[in-house]
Amino acid sequence: MECTVSYGELSRMTQFKDKAAKREADFVSAGLFTYPALQAADILLYDADEVPVGEDQRQHIEITRDIAERFNHRFGPTFTLPKVVTPKAGAKVTDLQDPTSKMSKSSSSEAGIVYLDDDPAAIMKKFKRAVTDSESEVRFDRATKPGVSNLLEILAACTGRTPDAVAADYTQYGPLKNDTGEAVVSVLAPIQERYRELLSDRAELARLLRVGADKARAVASRTLERTYTNIGILPPG
C-alpha cells in the first residue's frame, strides 16, 4: 500500500497536518504519517463496499479509493472501491469544552470527551458543563454557534431526528444540555451492559474473538490470494 501512494498525498492528509502541528516540540511518529496506507489495507483486505465513518475520516476513505484504483490499474481488478457512508446527524462530533475541535481521546482534557464506558453521572456532568455561547437562542448554526450546534447534532443522532427539528423544541440551553446527556446515557446503556457481560466472562470473550477472527480470515485470505496472484508473487507458505 505504501508503494501505491505518494509522499505528497500522505503529507496533505488533514489529520497528519493537524496532529503534527500540535506536537511541534514533541516526537512525531512516522506511523502518524504512513497510517492512512495501513488503514487502506485494513479496508481493502475485506472487500468492503461501504465504510461507515465520521466526517473527519472522509479523506481517508477517499485516499483508500485512490490507492485501490491505482493498484487495479497497474495489476488488474483486485480491490473493491469502497464508498463513504456518513450518518445524517452526528457525522462530526466536537469536544464539549472546545466545540471548534473534534471530540478526540488525544485531547489535553477529558472534560469534553464522552467515553463509551463513562458512568451516567459522569456523562451528565460533562454535558451540563458543555460550552455554548453568550446568546440564549437555540438554533443550529455551526459557524456562529458551534457549541449549541454540537449538542443539537448529538441529540439528533441519538433520537433519529434532524438538528433543526430538535432546535425547535428548545428556548434555553439548560434543558438542551440535560436532554442531550440523558439521550447519550440511554444510547450507551445497552452497550455498557454488554461490555460488562463480556468482561465478566473472559472465556466467552476469547471464544467470540476467535469466531470473529475466523470470519475475518476467511474473507481476507481470498483477497490476499487474489492480490498475490495479480502482483505475480508466490503466496506465503
C-alpha atoms as a PDB file:
ATOM      1  CA  MET A   1       0.000   0.000   0.000  1.00  0.00           C
ATOM      2  CA  GLU A   2       2.819   2.404   0.818  1.00  0.00           C
ATOM      3  CA  CYS A   3       4.284   1.815  -2.647  1.00  0.00           C
ATOM      4  CA  THR A   4       0.959   2.757  -4.233  1.00  0.00           C
ATOM      5  CA  VAL A   5       0.525   6.123  -2.518  1.00  0.00           C
ATOM      6  CA  SER A   6       2.721   9.190  -2.856  1.00  0.00           C
ATOM      7  CA  TYR A   7       4.529  11.293  -0.278  1.00  0.00           C
ATOM      8  CA  GLY A   8       2.524  14.291  -1.437  1.00  0.00           C
ATOM      9  CA  GLU A   9      -0.802  12.541  -0.909  1.00  0.00           C
ATOM     10  CA  LEU A  10       0.120  11.467   2.619  1.00  0.00           C
ATOM     11  CA  SER A  11       1.507  14.894   3.535  1.00  0.00           C
ATOM     12  CA  ARG A  12      -1.799  16.521   2.561  1.00  0.00           C
ATOM     13  CA  MET A  13      -3.834  14.399   4.964  1.00  0.00           C
ATOM     14  CA  THR A  14      -5.588  16.792   7.336  1.00  0.00           C
ATOM     15  CA  GLN A  15      -5.246  14.595  10.410  1.00  0.00           C
ATOM     16  CA  PHE A  16      -1.498  14.297   9.963  1.00  0.00           C
ATOM     17  CA  LYS A  17      -1.060  18.025   9.447  1.00  0.00           C
ATOM     18  CA  ASP A  18      -3.212  18.937  12.456  1.00  0.00           C
ATOM     19  CA  LYS A  19      -1.701  16.434  14.857  1.00  0.00           C
ATOM     20  CA  ALA A  20       1.857  17.096  13.736  1.00  0.00           C
ATOM     21  CA  ALA A  21       1.323  20.844  14.195  1.00  0.00           C
ATOM     22  CA  LYS A  22       0.063  20.324  17.750  1.00  0.00           C
ATOM     23  CA  ARG A  23       3.133  18.236  18.579  1.00  0.00           C
ATOM     24  CA  GLU A  24       5.748  20.568  17.108  1.00  0.00           C
ATOM     25  CA  ALA A  25       8.019  20.281  20.141  1.00  0.00           C
ATOM     26  CA  ASP A  26       7.385  16.552  20.632  1.00  0.00           C
ATOM     27  CA  PHE A  27       8.363  13.340  18.885  1.00  0.00           C
ATOM     28  CA  VAL A  28       6.173  12.915  15.796  1.00  0.00           C
ATOM     29  CA  SER A  29       5.961   9.250  14.826  1.00  0.00           C
ATOM     30  CA  ALA A  30       6.376   8.219  11.196  1.00  0.00           C
ATOM     31  CA  GLY A  31       3.386   5.967  11.842  1.00  0.00           C
ATOM     32  CA  LEU A  32       1.243   9.087  12.101  1.00  0.00           C
ATOM     33  CA  PHE A  33       2.309   9.917   8.558  1.00  0.00           C
ATOM     34  CA  THR A  34       2.010   6.466   6.984  1.00  0.00           C
ATOM     35  CA  TYR A  35      -1.014   5.036   8.782  1.00  0.00           C
ATOM     36  CA  PRO A  36      -3.502   6.012   6.019  1.00  0.00           C
ATOM     37  CA  ALA A  37      -1.768   3.360   3.883  1.00  0.00           C
ATOM     38  CA  LEU A  38      -2.230   0.785   6.647  1.00  0.00           C
ATOM     39  CA  GLN A  39      -5.839   1.880   7.086  1.00  0.00           C
ATOM     40  CA  ALA A  40      -6.350   1.426   3.340  1.00  0.00           C
ATOM     41  CA  ALA A  41      -5.019  -2.118   3.625  1.00  0.00           C
ATOM     42  CA  ASP A  42      -7.386  -2.841   6.523  1.00  0.00           C
ATOM     43  CA  ILE A  43     -10.348  -1.668   4.444  1.00  0.00           C
ATOM     44  CA  LEU A  44      -9.425  -3.187   1.085  1.00  0.00           C
ATOM     45  CA  LEU A  45      -8.498  -6.544   2.597  1.00  0.00           C
ATOM     46  CA  TYR A  46     -12.152  -7.226   3.424  1.00  0.00           C
ATOM     47  CA  ASP A  47     -13.746  -6.206   0.107  1.00  0.00           C
ATOM     48  CA  ALA A  48     -15.833  -3.544   1.794  1.00  0.00           C
ATOM     49  CA  ASP A  49     -18.446  -1.885  -0.426  1.00  0.00           C
ATOM     50  CA  GLU A  50     -19.297   0.765   2.148  1.00  0.00           C
ATOM     51  CA  VAL A  51     -17.380   2.189   5.098  1.00  0.00           C
ATOM     52  CA  PRO A  52     -19.360   3.969   7.843  1.00  0.00           C
ATOM     53  CA  VAL A  53     -17.225   6.815   9.201  1.00  0.00           C
ATOM     54  CA  GLY A  54     -17.399  10.261  10.682  1.00  0.00           C
ATOM     55  CA  GLU A  55     -16.845  13.295   8.501  1.00  0.00           C
ATOM     56  CA  ASP A  56     -13.228  13.643   9.684  1.00  0.00           C
ATOM     57  CA  GLN A  57     -12.425  10.247   8.153  1.00  0.00           C
ATOM     58  CA  ARG A  58     -13.882  11.008   4.716  1.00  0.00           C
ATOM     59  CA  GLN A  59     -10.455  11.998   3.406  1.00  0.00           C
ATOM     60  CA  HIS A  60      -9.030   8.650   4.492  1.00  0.00           C
ATOM     61  CA  ILE A  61     -11.649   6.705   2.563  1.00  0.00           C
ATOM     62  CA  GLU A  62     -11.028   8.886  -0.464  1.00  0.00           C
ATOM     63  CA  ILE A  63      -7.291   8.139  -0.392  1.00  0.00           C
ATOM     64  CA  THR A  64      -8.158   4.441   0.045  1.00  0.00           C
ATOM     65  CA  ARG A  65     -10.169   4.623  -3.180  1.00  0.00           C
ATOM     66  CA  ASP A  66      -7.255   6.375  -4.909  1.00  0.00           C
ATOM     67  CA  ILE A  67      -4.869   3.635  -3.797  1.00  0.00           C
ATOM     68  CA  ALA A  68      -7.254   0.893  -4.912  1.00  0.00           C
ATOM     69  CA  GLU A  69      -7.834   2.487  -8.315  1.00  0.00           C
ATOM     70  CA  ARG A  70      -4.110   2.913  -8.873  1.00  0.00           C
ATOM     71  CA  PHE A  71      -3.425  -0.672  -7.823  1.00  0.00           C
ATOM     72  CA  ASN A  72      -6.225  -2.042 -10.018  1.00  0.00           C
ATOM     73  CA  HIS A  73      -4.978  -0.054 -12.988  1.00  0.00           C
ATOM     74  CA  ARG A  74      -1.465  -1.443 -12.577  1.00  0.00           C
ATOM     75  CA  PHE A  75      -2.183  -5.058 -11.613  1.00  0.00           C
ATOM     76  CA  GLY A  76      -5.714  -5.682 -12.848  1.00  0.00           C
ATOM     77  CA  PRO A  77      -9.054  -5.891 -10.966  1.00  0.00           C
ATOM     78  CA  THR A  78      -8.112  -6.681  -7.382  1.00  0.00           C
ATOM     79  CA  PHE A  79      -9.800  -4.424  -4.850  1.00  0.00           C
ATOM     80  CA  THR A  80     -13.363  -3.252  -4.354  1.00  0.00           C
ATOM     81  CA  LEU A  81     -13.684   0.534  -4.343  1.00  0.00           C
ATOM     82  CA  PRO A  82     -15.377   1.438  -1.044  1.00  0.00           C
ATOM     83  CA  LYS A  83     -17.906   4.235  -0.680  1.00  0.00           C
ATOM     84  CA  VAL A  84     -18.088   6.646   2.237  1.00  0.00           C
ATOM     85  CA  VAL A  85     -21.213   6.354   4.378  1.00  0.00           C
ATOM     86  CA  THR A  86     -21.821   9.070   6.971  1.00  0.00           C
ATOM     87  CA  PRO A  87     -24.855   9.494   9.231  1.00  0.00           C
ATOM     88  CA  LYS A  88     -27.303  12.315   8.541  1.00  0.00           C
ATOM     89  CA  ALA A  89     -26.633  13.666  12.035  1.00  0.00           C
ATOM     90  CA  GLY A  90     -23.585  13.210  14.202  1.00  0.00           C
ATOM     91  CA  ALA A  91     -21.083  12.789  11.376  1.00  0.00           C
ATOM     92  CA  LYS A  92     -18.822  15.238  13.188  1.00  0.00           C
ATOM     93  CA  VAL A  93     -18.968  15.364  16.982  1.00  0.00           C
ATOM     94  CA  THR A  94     -16.851  18.057  18.594  1.00  0.00           C
ATOM     95  CA  ASP A  95     -15.288  18.470  22.018  1.00  0.00           C
ATOM     96  CA  LEU A  96     -17.820  19.591  24.629  1.00  0.00           C
ATOM     97  CA  GLN A  97     -15.295  22.078  26.024  1.00  0.00           C
ATOM     98  CA  ASP A  98     -13.825  23.142  22.685  1.00  0.00           C
ATOM     99  CA  PRO A  99     -16.575  22.844  20.068  1.00  0.00           C
ATOM    100  CA  THR A 100     -14.241  24.058  17.324  1.00  0.00           C
ATOM    101  CA  SER A 101     -12.207  20.836  17.629  1.00  0.00           C
ATOM    102  CA  LYS A 102     -13.381  17.268  17.135  1.00  0.00           C
ATOM    103  CA  MET A 103     -14.005  15.083  20.174  1.00  0.00           C
ATOM    104  CA  SER A 104     -10.825  13.044  20.444  1.00  0.00           C
ATOM    105  CA  LYS A 105      -9.161  10.874  23.066  1.00  0.00           C
ATOM    106  CA  SER A 106      -5.908  12.692  22.280  1.00  0.00           C
ATOM    107  CA  SER A 107      -7.367  15.921  23.682  1.00  0.00           C
ATOM    108  CA  SER A 108      -5.434  17.530  26.538  1.00  0.00           C
ATOM    109  CA  SER A 109      -8.525  17.382  28.780  1.00  0.00           C
ATOM    110  CA  GLU A 110     -11.130  14.679  29.330  1.00  0.00           C
ATOM    111  CA  ALA A 111     -13.792  17.186  30.347  1.00  0.00           C
ATOM    112  CA  GLY A 112     -15.066  17.478  26.795  1.00  0.00           C
ATOM    113  CA  ILE A 113     -14.817  13.802  25.862  1.00  0.00           C
ATOM    114  CA  VAL A 114     -17.513  11.170  26.392  1.00  0.00           C
ATOM    115  CA  TYR A 115     -16.138   7.645  26.631  1.00  0.00           C
ATOM    116  CA  LEU A 116     -18.234   4.581  25.895  1.00  0.00           C
ATOM    117  CA  ASP A 117     -17.668   3.270  29.427  1.00  0.00           C
ATOM    118  CA  ASP A 118     -18.277   6.551  31.274  1.00  0.00           C
ATOM    119  CA  ASP A 119     -20.827   6.117  34.042  1.00  0.00           C
ATOM    120  CA  PRO A 120     -24.120   8.015  33.622  1.00  0.00           C
ATOM    121  CA  ALA A 121     -23.288  10.586  36.304  1.00  0.00           C
ATOM    122  CA  ALA A 122     -20.011  11.466  34.599  1.00  0.00           C
ATOM    123  CA  ILE A 123     -21.733  11.782  31.226  1.00  0.00           C
ATOM    124  CA  MET A 124     -24.422  14.074  32.619  1.00  0.00           C
ATOM    125  CA  LYS A 125     -21.793  16.218  34.338  1.00  0.00           C
ATOM    126  CA  LYS A 126     -19.864  16.659  31.089  1.00  0.00           C
ATOM    127  CA  PHE A 127     -22.952  17.690  29.144  1.00  0.00           C
ATOM    128  CA  LYS A 128     -24.175  20.082  31.806  1.00  0.00           C
ATOM    129  CA  ARG A 129     -20.784  21.817  31.671  1.00  0.00           C
ATOM    130  CA  ALA A 130     -20.667  21.851  27.871  1.00  0.00           C
ATOM    131  CA  VAL A 131     -19.534  25.140  26.359  1.00  0.00           C
ATOM    132  CA  THR A 132     -22.234  27.049  24.479  1.00  0.00           C
ATOM    133  CA  ASP A 133     -22.151  30.841  23.933  1.00  0.00           C
ATOM    134  CA  SER A 134     -23.300  34.125  25.423  1.00  0.00           C
ATOM    135  CA  GLU A 135     -26.559  34.224  23.470  1.00  0.00           C
ATOM    136  CA  SER A 136     -29.750  32.477  24.515  1.00  0.00           C
ATOM    137  CA  GLU A 137     -31.279  31.475  21.186  1.00  0.00           C
ATOM    138  CA  VAL A 138     -31.221  27.784  20.386  1.00  0.00           C
ATOM    139  CA  ARG A 139     -30.550  27.278  16.686  1.00  0.00           C
ATOM    140  CA  PHE A 140     -28.403  25.052  14.513  1.00  0.00           C
ATOM    141  CA  ASP A 141     -25.566  27.133  13.101  1.00  0.00           C
ATOM    142  CA  ARG A 142     -22.128  25.511  13.071  1.00  0.00           C
ATOM    143  CA  ALA A 143     -20.365  28.718  12.039  1.00  0.00           C
ATOM    144  CA  THR A 144     -21.604  31.070  14.750  1.00  0.00           C
ATOM    145  CA  LYS A 145     -22.906  28.674  17.429  1.00  0.00           C
ATOM    146  CA  PRO A 146     -20.588  25.629  17.358  1.00  0.00           C
ATOM    147  CA  GLY A 147     -21.262  24.540  20.957  1.00  0.00           C
ATOM    148  CA  VAL A 148     -25.037  24.638  20.709  1.00  0.00           C
ATOM    149  CA  SER A 149     -24.944  23.082  17.245  1.00  0.00           C
ATOM    150  CA  ASN A 150     -22.812  20.234  18.564  1.00  0.00           C
ATOM    151  CA  LEU A 151     -25.373  19.474  21.274  1.00  0.00           C
ATOM    152  CA  LEU A 152     -28.203  19.633  18.737  1.00  0.00           C
ATOM    153  CA  GLU A 153     -26.390  17.283  16.387  1.00  0.00           C
ATOM    154  CA  ILE A 154     -25.632  14.764  19.147  1.00  0.00           C
ATOM    155  CA  LEU A 155     -29.246  14.796  20.342  1.00  0.00           C
ATOM    156  CA  ALA A 156     -30.480  14.473  16.758  1.00  0.00           C
ATOM    157  CA  ALA A 157     -28.201  11.492  16.167  1.00  0.00           C
ATOM    158  CA  CYS A 158     -29.449   9.796  19.343  1.00  0.00           C
ATOM    159  CA  THR A 159     -33.124  10.353  18.546  1.00  0.00           C
ATOM    160  CA  GLY A 160     -33.192   9.905  14.771  1.00  0.00           C
ATOM    161  CA  ARG A 161     -34.157  13.499  14.032  1.00  0.00           C
ATOM    162  CA  THR A 162     -32.532  16.472  12.343  1.00  0.00           C
ATOM    163  CA  PRO A 163     -30.658  19.174  14.291  1.00  0.00           C
ATOM    164  CA  ASP A 164     -33.079  21.854  13.064  1.00  0.00           C
ATOM    165  CA  ALA A 165     -36.091  19.844  14.227  1.00  0.00           C
ATOM    166  CA  VAL A 166     -34.502  19.340  17.640  1.00  0.00           C
ATOM    167  CA  ALA A 167     -33.695  23.057  17.934  1.00  0.00           C
ATOM    168  CA  ALA A 168     -37.369  23.922  17.542  1.00  0.00           C
ATOM    169  CA  ASP A 169     -38.100  22.192  20.858  1.00  0.00           C
ATOM    170  CA  TYR A 170     -35.846  24.423  22.969  1.00  0.00           C
ATOM    171  CA  THR A 171     -35.653  28.030  24.076  1.00  0.00           C
ATOM    172  CA  GLN A 172     -32.935  27.591  26.717  1.00  0.00           C
ATOM    173  CA  TYR A 173     -29.549  25.888  26.831  1.00  0.00           C
ATOM    174  CA  GLY A 174     -30.053  24.158  30.189  1.00  0.00           C
ATOM    175  CA  PRO A 175     -32.802  21.757  29.113  1.00  0.00           C
ATOM    176  CA  LEU A 176     -30.938  21.071  25.851  1.00  0.00           C
ATOM    177  CA  LYS A 177     -27.798  20.067  27.742  1.00  0.00           C
ATOM    178  CA  ASN A 178     -29.772  17.877  30.133  1.00  0.00           C
ATOM    179  CA  ASP A 179     -31.785  16.124  27.416  1.00  0.00           C
ATOM    180  CA  THR A 180     -28.698  15.543  25.289  1.00  0.00           C
ATOM    181  CA  GLY A 181     -26.879  13.991  28.226  1.00  0.00           C
ATOM    182  CA  GLU A 182     -29.841  11.734  29.007  1.00  0.00           C
ATOM    183  CA  ALA A 183     -30.121  10.679  25.365  1.00  0.00           C
ATOM    184  CA  VAL A 184     -26.444   9.715  25.250  1.00  0.00           C
ATOM    185  CA  VAL A 185     -26.778   7.791  28.521  1.00  0.00           C
ATOM    186  CA  SER A 186     -29.748   5.908  27.060  1.00  0.00           C
ATOM    187  CA  VAL A 187     -27.934   5.035  23.829  1.00  0.00           C
ATOM    188  CA  LEU A 188     -24.837   3.838  25.674  1.00  0.00           C
ATOM    189  CA  ALA A 189     -26.707   1.825  28.330  1.00  0.00           C
ATOM    190  CA  PRO A 190     -27.095  -1.446  26.319  1.00  0.00           C
ATOM    191  CA  ILE A 191     -23.531  -1.129  25.000  1.00  0.00           C
ATOM    192  CA  GLN A 192     -22.172  -0.756  28.512  1.00  0.00           C
ATOM    193  CA  GLU A 193     -24.291  -3.647  29.768  1.00  0.00           C
ATOM    194  CA  ARG A 194     -22.930  -5.944  27.064  1.00  0.00           C
ATOM    195  CA  TYR A 195     -19.412  -4.663  27.728  1.00  0.00           C
ATOM    196  CA  ARG A 196     -19.682  -5.626  31.395  1.00  0.00           C
ATOM    197  CA  GLU A 197     -21.105  -9.036  30.480  1.00  0.00           C
ATOM    198  CA  LEU A 198     -18.167  -9.790  28.215  1.00  0.00           C
ATOM    199  CA  LEU A 199     -15.579  -8.628  30.728  1.00  0.00           C
ATOM    200  CA  SER A 200     -17.162 -10.796  33.419  1.00  0.00           C
ATOM    201  CA  ASP A 201     -16.719 -13.929  31.281  1.00  0.00           C
ATOM    202  CA  ARG A 202     -13.239 -13.885  29.771  1.00  0.00           C
ATOM    203  CA  ALA A 203     -13.585 -17.369  28.331  1.00  0.00           C
ATOM    204  CA  GLU A 204     -16.677 -16.372  26.347  1.00  0.00           C
ATOM    205  CA  LEU A 205     -14.964 -13.166  25.252  1.00  0.00           C
ATOM    206  CA  ALA A 206     -11.982 -15.150  23.966  1.00  0.00           C
ATOM    207  CA  ARG A 207     -14.327 -17.534  22.123  1.00  0.00           C
ATOM    208  CA  LEU A 208     -16.150 -14.689  20.419  1.00  0.00           C
ATOM    209  CA  LEU A 209     -12.851 -13.117  19.412  1.00  0.00           C
ATOM    210  CA  ARG A 210     -11.810 -16.406  17.803  1.00  0.00           C
ATOM    211  CA  VAL A 211     -15.126 -16.655  15.958  1.00  0.00           C
ATOM    212  CA  GLY A 212     -14.726 -13.114  14.675  1.00  0.00           C
ATOM    213  CA  ALA A 213     -11.115 -13.726  13.675  1.00  0.00           C
ATOM    214  CA  ASP A 214     -12.099 -16.853  11.734  1.00  0.00           C
ATOM    215  CA  LYS A 215     -14.803 -14.958   9.825  1.00  0.00           C
ATOM    216  CA  ALA A 216     -12.414 -12.122   9.035  1.00  0.00           C
ATOM    217  CA  ARG A 217      -9.655 -14.507   7.971  1.00  0.00           C
ATOM    218  CA  ALA A 218     -11.986 -16.311   5.565  1.00  0.00           C
ATOM    219  CA  VAL A 219     -12.700 -13.054   3.724  1.00  0.00           C
ATOM    220  CA  ALA A 220      -9.187 -11.645   3.960  1.00  0.00           C
ATOM    221  CA  SER A 221      -7.471 -14.799   2.717  1.00  0.00           C
ATOM    222  CA  ARG A 222      -9.370 -14.671  -0.569  1.00  0.00           C
ATOM    223  CA  THR A 223      -8.452 -11.024  -1.127  1.00  0.00           C
ATOM    224  CA  LEU A 224      -4.827 -11.647  -0.177  1.00  0.00           C
ATOM    225  CA  GLU A 225      -4.543 -14.607  -2.539  1.00  0.00           C
ATOM    226  CA  ARG A 226      -6.012 -12.538  -5.369  1.00  0.00           C
ATOM    227  CA  THR A 227      -3.556  -9.750  -4.596  1.00  0.00           C
ATOM    228  CA  TYR A 228      -0.527 -12.056  -4.626  1.00  0.00           C
ATOM    229  CA  THR A 229      -1.671 -13.617  -7.891  1.00  0.00           C
ATOM    230  CA  ASN A 230      -2.214 -10.304  -9.615  1.00  0.00           C
ATOM    231  CA  ILE A 231       1.127  -8.918  -8.453  1.00  0.00           C
ATOM    232  CA  GLY A 232       2.839 -12.099  -9.537  1.00  0.00           C
ATOM    233  CA  ILE A 233       4.409 -13.281  -6.304  1.00  0.00           C
ATOM    234  CA  LEU A 234       4.029 -16.613  -4.556  1.00  0.00           C
ATOM    235  CA  PRO A 235       1.760 -16.614  -1.523  1.00  0.00           C
ATOM    236  CA  PRO A 236       3.466 -17.344   1.816  1.00  0.00           C
ATOM    237  CA  GLY A 237       3.607 -20.964   2.916  1.00  0.00           C
END
